[in-house]
Amino acid sequence: MEDHCTPDGQTVAARFNLCLAVKYRLDRDDSWRNGTTANLSRSGLLFHASGVGAFSPQQRNDSNCPIEVVIEVPKGAVLSQVHCHATVARVEDPRPGEDLGTIAVTVGDYILRAG
């Protein structure tokens, strides 16, 4: 899968639609929240999650808001984890009648931990 260009000429990273378990927490938060990936790219991650109400209005609009994300990747009988240090790009509240909101993050660094 290759990157593509928008009509105005900007390059958009190729997206991979994968459904994987995610845990996330805001910087310096002790409690983890759960989610599920919608898609991944080389530059970021879009996931559906509970607890988006924990984001203050300032955090929702701060492109430097740090967030820690752990993606659980099943590999045969061994579960591996990708630990990402990221920043919040966008937070969307759940639609009416739904429980999960959407969080888009830009990944700055990650570590793969095999189980």
N, C-alpha and C. Protein backbone atom coordinates (compact mmCIF):
# COMPACT_ATOMS: atom_id res chain seq x y z
N MET A 1 0.84 -1.17 0.00
CA MET A 1 0.00 0.00 0.00
C MET A 1 0.89 1.24 0.00
N GLU A 2 0.56 2.20 -0.82
CA GLU A 2 1.39 3.39 -0.97
C GLU A 2 0.68 4.62 -0.46
N ASP A 3 1.48 5.66 -0.13
CA ASP A 3 0.91 6.95 0.23
C ASP A 3 0.18 7.51 -1.00
N HIS A 4 -0.73 8.44 -0.75
CA HIS A 4 -1.42 9.07 -1.87
C HIS A 4 -1.52 10.57 -1.63
N CYS A 5 -1.93 11.30 -2.64
CA CYS A 5 -2.03 12.75 -2.55
C CYS A 5 -3.48 13.19 -2.52
N THR A 6 -3.74 14.23 -1.76
CA THR A 6 -5.07 14.84 -1.71
C THR A 6 -5.22 15.73 -2.94
N PRO A 7 -6.46 16.18 -3.24
CA PRO A 7 -6.65 17.06 -4.40
C PRO A 7 -5.80 18.33 -4.36
N ASP A 8 -5.45 18.80 -3.14
CA ASP A 8 -4.63 20.02 -3.05
C ASP A 8 -3.12 19.71 -3.01
N GLY A 9 -2.75 18.44 -3.26
CA GLY A 9 -1.35 18.08 -3.41
C GLY A 9 -0.63 17.64 -2.14
N GLN A 10 -1.32 17.54 -1.01
CA GLN A 10 -0.68 17.08 0.22
C GLN A 10 -0.57 15.56 0.22
N THR A 11 0.55 15.07 0.73
CA THR A 11 0.74 13.62 0.81
C THR A 11 0.07 13.08 2.07
N VAL A 12 -0.67 12.00 1.92
CA VAL A 12 -1.35 11.34 3.03
C VAL A 12 -0.78 9.92 3.15
N ALA A 13 -0.35 9.58 4.36
CA ALA A 13 0.23 8.25 4.58
C ALA A 13 -0.83 7.18 4.35
N ALA A 14 -0.41 6.06 3.78
CA ALA A 14 -1.31 4.92 3.56
C ALA A 14 -1.88 4.45 4.88
N ARG A 15 -3.15 4.10 4.89
CA ARG A 15 -3.83 3.63 6.09
C ARG A 15 -4.02 2.12 6.01
N PHE A 16 -3.83 1.47 7.15
CA PHE A 16 -4.04 0.03 7.25
C PHE A 16 -5.19 -0.20 8.23
N ASN A 17 -6.28 -0.73 7.74
CA ASN A 17 -7.46 -0.97 8.57
C ASN A 17 -7.26 -2.25 9.38
N LEU A 18 -6.93 -2.09 10.64
CA LEU A 18 -6.71 -3.22 11.54
C LEU A 18 -7.53 -3.02 12.81
N CYS A 19 -8.07 -4.09 13.32
CA CYS A 19 -8.85 -4.04 14.56
C CYS A 19 -8.03 -4.72 15.65
N LEU A 20 -7.34 -3.92 16.46
CA LEU A 20 -6.49 -4.42 17.53
C LEU A 20 -6.87 -3.75 18.85
N ALA A 21 -6.65 -4.44 19.94
CA ALA A 21 -6.93 -3.87 21.26
C ALA A 21 -5.90 -2.78 21.57
N VAL A 22 -6.40 -1.72 22.23
CA VAL A 22 -5.56 -0.58 22.59
C VAL A 22 -5.83 -0.23 24.04
N LYS A 23 -4.77 0.15 24.75
CA LYS A 23 -4.88 0.79 26.06
C LYS A 23 -4.25 2.16 25.90
N TYR A 24 -4.83 3.17 26.55
CA TYR A 24 -4.24 4.50 26.45
C TYR A 24 -4.41 5.24 27.77
N ARG A 25 -3.52 6.21 27.97
CA ARG A 25 -3.65 7.11 29.11
C ARG A 25 -3.00 8.44 28.77
N LEU A 26 -3.58 9.46 29.33
CA LEU A 26 -3.02 10.79 29.14
C LEU A 26 -1.75 10.91 29.96
N ASP A 27 -0.90 11.83 29.58
CA ASP A 27 0.36 12.03 30.28
C ASP A 27 0.14 12.18 31.78
N ARG A 28 0.88 11.42 32.53
CA ARG A 28 0.86 11.44 34.00
C ARG A 28 -0.44 10.92 34.62
N ASP A 29 -1.27 10.27 33.85
CA ASP A 29 -2.49 9.66 34.36
C ASP A 29 -2.16 8.24 34.78
N ASP A 30 -2.63 7.82 35.94
CA ASP A 30 -2.34 6.47 36.41
C ASP A 30 -3.25 5.40 35.82
N SER A 31 -4.45 5.78 35.43
CA SER A 31 -5.41 4.78 34.97
C SER A 31 -5.40 4.66 33.45
N TRP A 32 -5.49 3.40 32.99
CA TRP A 32 -5.55 3.09 31.57
C TRP A 32 -7.01 3.00 31.13
N ARG A 33 -7.27 3.42 29.91
CA ARG A 33 -8.59 3.29 29.30
C ARG A 33 -8.45 2.35 28.10
N ASN A 34 -9.56 1.78 27.66
CA ASN A 34 -9.53 0.79 26.57
C ASN A 34 -10.09 1.34 25.27
N GLY A 35 -9.62 0.74 24.19
CA GLY A 35 -10.12 1.11 22.87
C GLY A 35 -9.79 0.03 21.86
N THR A 36 -10.11 0.33 20.60
CA THR A 36 -9.86 -0.57 19.48
C THR A 36 -9.40 0.25 18.29
N THR A 37 -8.35 -0.21 17.62
CA THR A 37 -7.86 0.54 16.48
C THR A 37 -8.87 0.55 15.34
N ALA A 38 -8.91 1.65 14.62
CA ALA A 38 -9.70 1.76 13.39
C ALA A 38 -8.74 1.64 12.21
N ASN A 39 -7.63 2.40 12.28
CA ASN A 39 -6.60 2.27 11.27
C ASN A 39 -5.27 2.81 11.79
N LEU A 40 -4.20 2.35 11.13
CA LEU A 40 -2.85 2.77 11.47
C LEU A 40 -2.16 3.25 10.21
N SER A 41 -1.22 4.16 10.37
CA SER A 41 -0.36 4.59 9.27
C SER A 41 1.05 4.71 9.82
N ARG A 42 2.00 5.07 8.97
CA ARG A 42 3.37 5.20 9.46
C ARG A 42 3.52 6.39 10.39
N SER A 43 2.57 7.31 10.36
CA SER A 43 2.69 8.51 11.18
C SER A 43 1.72 8.58 12.35
N GLY A 44 0.72 7.70 12.39
CA GLY A 44 -0.25 7.83 13.46
C GLY A 44 -1.22 6.68 13.56
N LEU A 45 -2.22 6.91 14.39
CA LEU A 45 -3.18 5.89 14.75
C LEU A 45 -4.54 6.55 14.99
N LEU A 46 -5.58 5.91 14.50
CA LEU A 46 -6.96 6.32 14.77
C LEU A 46 -7.60 5.18 15.52
N PHE A 47 -8.20 5.48 16.70
CA PHE A 47 -8.85 4.41 17.45
C PHE A 47 -10.13 4.89 18.10
N HIS A 48 -11.02 3.93 18.32
CA HIS A 48 -12.28 4.17 19.00
C HIS A 48 -12.08 3.81 20.47
N ALA A 49 -12.59 4.65 21.37
CA ALA A 49 -12.27 4.43 22.78
C ALA A 49 -13.34 4.94 23.71
N SER A 50 -13.36 4.34 24.88
CA SER A 50 -14.18 4.83 25.97
C SER A 50 -13.39 5.93 26.69
N GLY A 51 -14.06 6.75 27.43
CA GLY A 51 -13.38 7.73 28.27
C GLY A 51 -12.88 8.98 27.58
N VAL A 52 -13.39 9.30 26.39
CA VAL A 52 -12.90 10.51 25.74
C VAL A 52 -13.30 11.76 26.51
N GLY A 53 -14.28 11.63 27.40
CA GLY A 53 -14.66 12.76 28.25
C GLY A 53 -13.56 13.18 29.20
N ALA A 54 -12.53 12.33 29.37
CA ALA A 54 -11.40 12.67 30.24
C ALA A 54 -10.52 13.76 29.63
N PHE A 55 -10.67 14.00 28.33
CA PHE A 55 -9.89 15.04 27.68
C PHE A 55 -10.52 16.40 27.94
N SER A 56 -9.77 17.30 28.53
CA SER A 56 -10.26 18.66 28.75
C SER A 56 -10.34 19.38 27.41
N PRO A 57 -11.11 20.47 27.34
CA PRO A 57 -11.14 21.24 26.09
C PRO A 57 -9.74 21.66 25.63
N GLN A 58 -8.87 21.99 26.58
CA GLN A 58 -7.50 22.39 26.23
C GLN A 58 -6.74 21.23 25.61
N GLN A 59 -6.87 20.03 26.18
CA GLN A 59 -6.17 18.86 25.65
C GLN A 59 -6.68 18.49 24.26
N ARG A 60 -7.95 18.70 24.00
CA ARG A 60 -8.53 18.38 22.69
C ARG A 60 -7.98 19.28 21.59
N ASN A 61 -7.56 20.48 21.97
CA ASN A 61 -7.09 21.45 20.98
C ASN A 61 -5.59 21.67 21.03
N ASP A 62 -4.88 20.89 21.84
CA ASP A 62 -3.45 21.04 21.99
C ASP A 62 -2.74 19.94 21.20
N SER A 63 -2.13 20.31 20.08
CA SER A 63 -1.47 19.31 19.25
C SER A 63 -0.20 18.76 19.89
N ASN A 64 0.15 19.27 21.07
CA ASN A 64 1.31 18.75 21.79
C ASN A 64 0.90 17.99 23.04
N CYS A 65 -0.39 17.68 23.19
CA CYS A 65 -0.87 16.95 24.36
C CYS A 65 -0.32 15.53 24.32
N PRO A 66 0.55 15.16 25.28
CA PRO A 66 1.13 13.81 25.25
C PRO A 66 0.14 12.74 25.66
N ILE A 67 0.24 11.60 25.03
CA ILE A 67 -0.60 10.46 25.33
C ILE A 67 0.25 9.20 25.14
N GLU A 68 0.04 8.22 25.99
CA GLU A 68 0.73 6.94 25.88
C GLU A 68 -0.27 5.92 25.38
N VAL A 69 0.10 5.17 24.35
CA VAL A 69 -0.79 4.19 23.74
C VAL A 69 -0.06 2.85 23.67
N VAL A 70 -0.76 1.78 24.06
CA VAL A 70 -0.22 0.43 23.93
C VAL A 70 -1.14 -0.34 23.00
N ILE A 71 -0.60 -0.83 21.89
CA ILE A 71 -1.35 -1.62 20.93
C ILE A 71 -0.99 -3.08 21.15
N GLU A 72 -1.98 -3.91 21.33
CA GLU A 72 -1.73 -5.33 21.55
C GLU A 72 -1.84 -6.07 20.23
N VAL A 73 -0.74 -6.69 19.82
CA VAL A 73 -0.65 -7.36 18.53
C VAL A 73 -0.52 -8.86 18.74
N PRO A 74 -1.56 -9.65 18.41
CA PRO A 74 -1.43 -11.10 18.56
C PRO A 74 -0.48 -11.65 17.49
N LYS A 75 0.45 -12.46 17.92
CA LYS A 75 1.40 -13.07 16.98
C LYS A 75 1.49 -14.54 17.35
N GLY A 76 0.69 -15.36 16.66
CA GLY A 76 0.62 -16.77 17.02
C GLY A 76 0.05 -16.90 18.42
N ALA A 77 0.74 -17.61 19.28
CA ALA A 77 0.29 -17.79 20.66
C ALA A 77 0.89 -16.75 21.58
N VAL A 78 1.74 -15.86 21.04
CA VAL A 78 2.42 -14.86 21.86
C VAL A 78 1.84 -13.48 21.55
N LEU A 79 1.50 -12.75 22.59
CA LEU A 79 0.97 -11.41 22.42
C LEU A 79 2.12 -10.41 22.52
N SER A 80 2.29 -9.61 21.50
CA SER A 80 3.30 -8.56 21.51
C SER A 80 2.60 -7.23 21.73
N GLN A 81 3.35 -6.26 22.20
CA GLN A 81 2.79 -4.94 22.43
C GLN A 81 3.66 -3.89 21.76
N VAL A 82 3.00 -2.88 21.19
CA VAL A 82 3.68 -1.73 20.67
C VAL A 82 3.36 -0.58 21.62
N HIS A 83 4.38 -0.07 22.30
CA HIS A 83 4.22 1.05 23.23
C HIS A 83 4.56 2.33 22.48
N CYS A 84 3.58 3.22 22.37
CA CYS A 84 3.75 4.45 21.60
C CYS A 84 3.70 5.68 22.49
N HIS A 85 4.63 6.58 22.26
CA HIS A 85 4.56 7.91 22.84
C HIS A 85 4.07 8.80 21.71
N ALA A 86 2.95 9.45 21.93
CA ALA A 86 2.28 10.15 20.84
C ALA A 86 1.74 11.49 21.33
N THR A 87 1.18 12.25 20.41
CA THR A 87 0.47 13.48 20.73
C THR A 87 -0.93 13.41 20.13
N VAL A 88 -1.86 14.03 20.82
CA VAL A 88 -3.25 14.02 20.38
C VAL A 88 -3.42 14.95 19.18
N ALA A 89 -4.00 14.42 18.12
CA ALA A 89 -4.29 15.23 16.93
C ALA A 89 -5.76 15.65 16.91
N ARG A 90 -6.64 14.75 17.38
CA ARG A 90 -8.08 15.04 17.32
C ARG A 90 -8.81 14.12 18.29
N VAL A 91 -9.84 14.65 18.94
CA VAL A 91 -10.72 13.87 19.81
C VAL A 91 -12.15 14.17 19.40
N GLU A 92 -12.92 13.11 19.16
CA GLU A 92 -14.34 13.28 18.81
C GLU A 92 -15.19 12.53 19.83
N ASP A 93 -16.21 13.21 20.33
CA ASP A 93 -17.14 12.59 21.27
C ASP A 93 -17.94 11.49 20.58
N PRO A 94 -18.49 10.56 21.37
CA PRO A 94 -19.34 9.52 20.77
C PRO A 94 -20.54 10.14 20.05
N ARG A 95 -20.96 9.50 18.98
CA ARG A 95 -22.17 9.92 18.29
C ARG A 95 -23.37 9.58 19.16
N PRO A 96 -24.51 10.22 18.94
CA PRO A 96 -25.70 9.89 19.73
C PRO A 96 -26.02 8.40 19.66
N GLY A 97 -26.24 7.79 20.82
CA GLY A 97 -26.55 6.38 20.90
C GLY A 97 -25.34 5.45 20.90
N GLU A 98 -24.14 6.01 20.82
CA GLU A 98 -22.93 5.19 20.83
C GLU A 98 -22.13 5.46 22.11
N ASP A 99 -21.29 4.50 22.50
CA ASP A 99 -20.50 4.62 23.72
C ASP A 99 -19.06 5.05 23.48
N LEU A 100 -18.57 4.83 22.28
CA LEU A 100 -17.16 5.07 22.01
C LEU A 100 -16.94 6.33 21.19
N GLY A 101 -15.94 7.11 21.62
CA GLY A 101 -15.51 8.26 20.85
C GLY A 101 -14.35 7.86 19.96
N THR A 102 -13.76 8.84 19.29
CA THR A 102 -12.64 8.59 18.39
C THR A 102 -11.47 9.48 18.76
N ILE A 103 -10.28 8.89 18.75
CA ILE A 103 -9.07 9.63 19.07
C ILE A 103 -8.07 9.39 17.94
N ALA A 104 -7.51 10.48 17.43
CA ALA A 104 -6.45 10.39 16.43
C ALA A 104 -5.17 10.89 17.09
N VAL A 105 -4.10 10.13 16.95
CA VAL A 105 -2.82 10.53 17.54
C VAL A 105 -1.72 10.46 16.48
N THR A 106 -0.72 11.30 16.67
CA THR A 106 0.48 11.27 15.86
C THR A 106 1.56 10.59 16.68
N VAL A 107 2.12 9.52 16.16
CA VAL A 107 3.11 8.74 16.91
C VAL A 107 4.49 9.34 16.68
N GLY A 108 5.16 9.64 17.81
CA GLY A 108 6.50 10.20 17.73
C GLY A 108 7.57 9.15 17.93
N ASP A 109 7.28 8.17 18.76
CA ASP A 109 8.26 7.14 19.10
C ASP A 109 7.51 5.90 19.53
N TYR A 110 8.08 4.73 19.28
CA TYR A 110 7.43 3.51 19.73
C TYR A 110 8.47 2.45 20.06
N ILE A 111 8.08 1.50 20.90
CA ILE A 111 8.93 0.37 21.28
C ILE A 111 8.10 -0.89 21.13
N LEU A 112 8.66 -1.91 20.50
CA LEU A 112 7.99 -3.21 20.37
C LEU A 112 8.45 -4.10 21.50
N ARG A 113 7.48 -4.64 22.25
CA ARG A 113 7.79 -5.57 23.35
C ARG A 113 7.12 -6.88 23.05
N ALA A 114 7.92 -7.90 22.82
CA ALA A 114 7.39 -9.24 22.55
C ALA A 114 7.01 -9.91 23.85
N GLY A 115 5.90 -10.66 23.80
CA GLY A 115 5.42 -11.35 24.99
C GLY A 115 6.09 -12.66 25.21
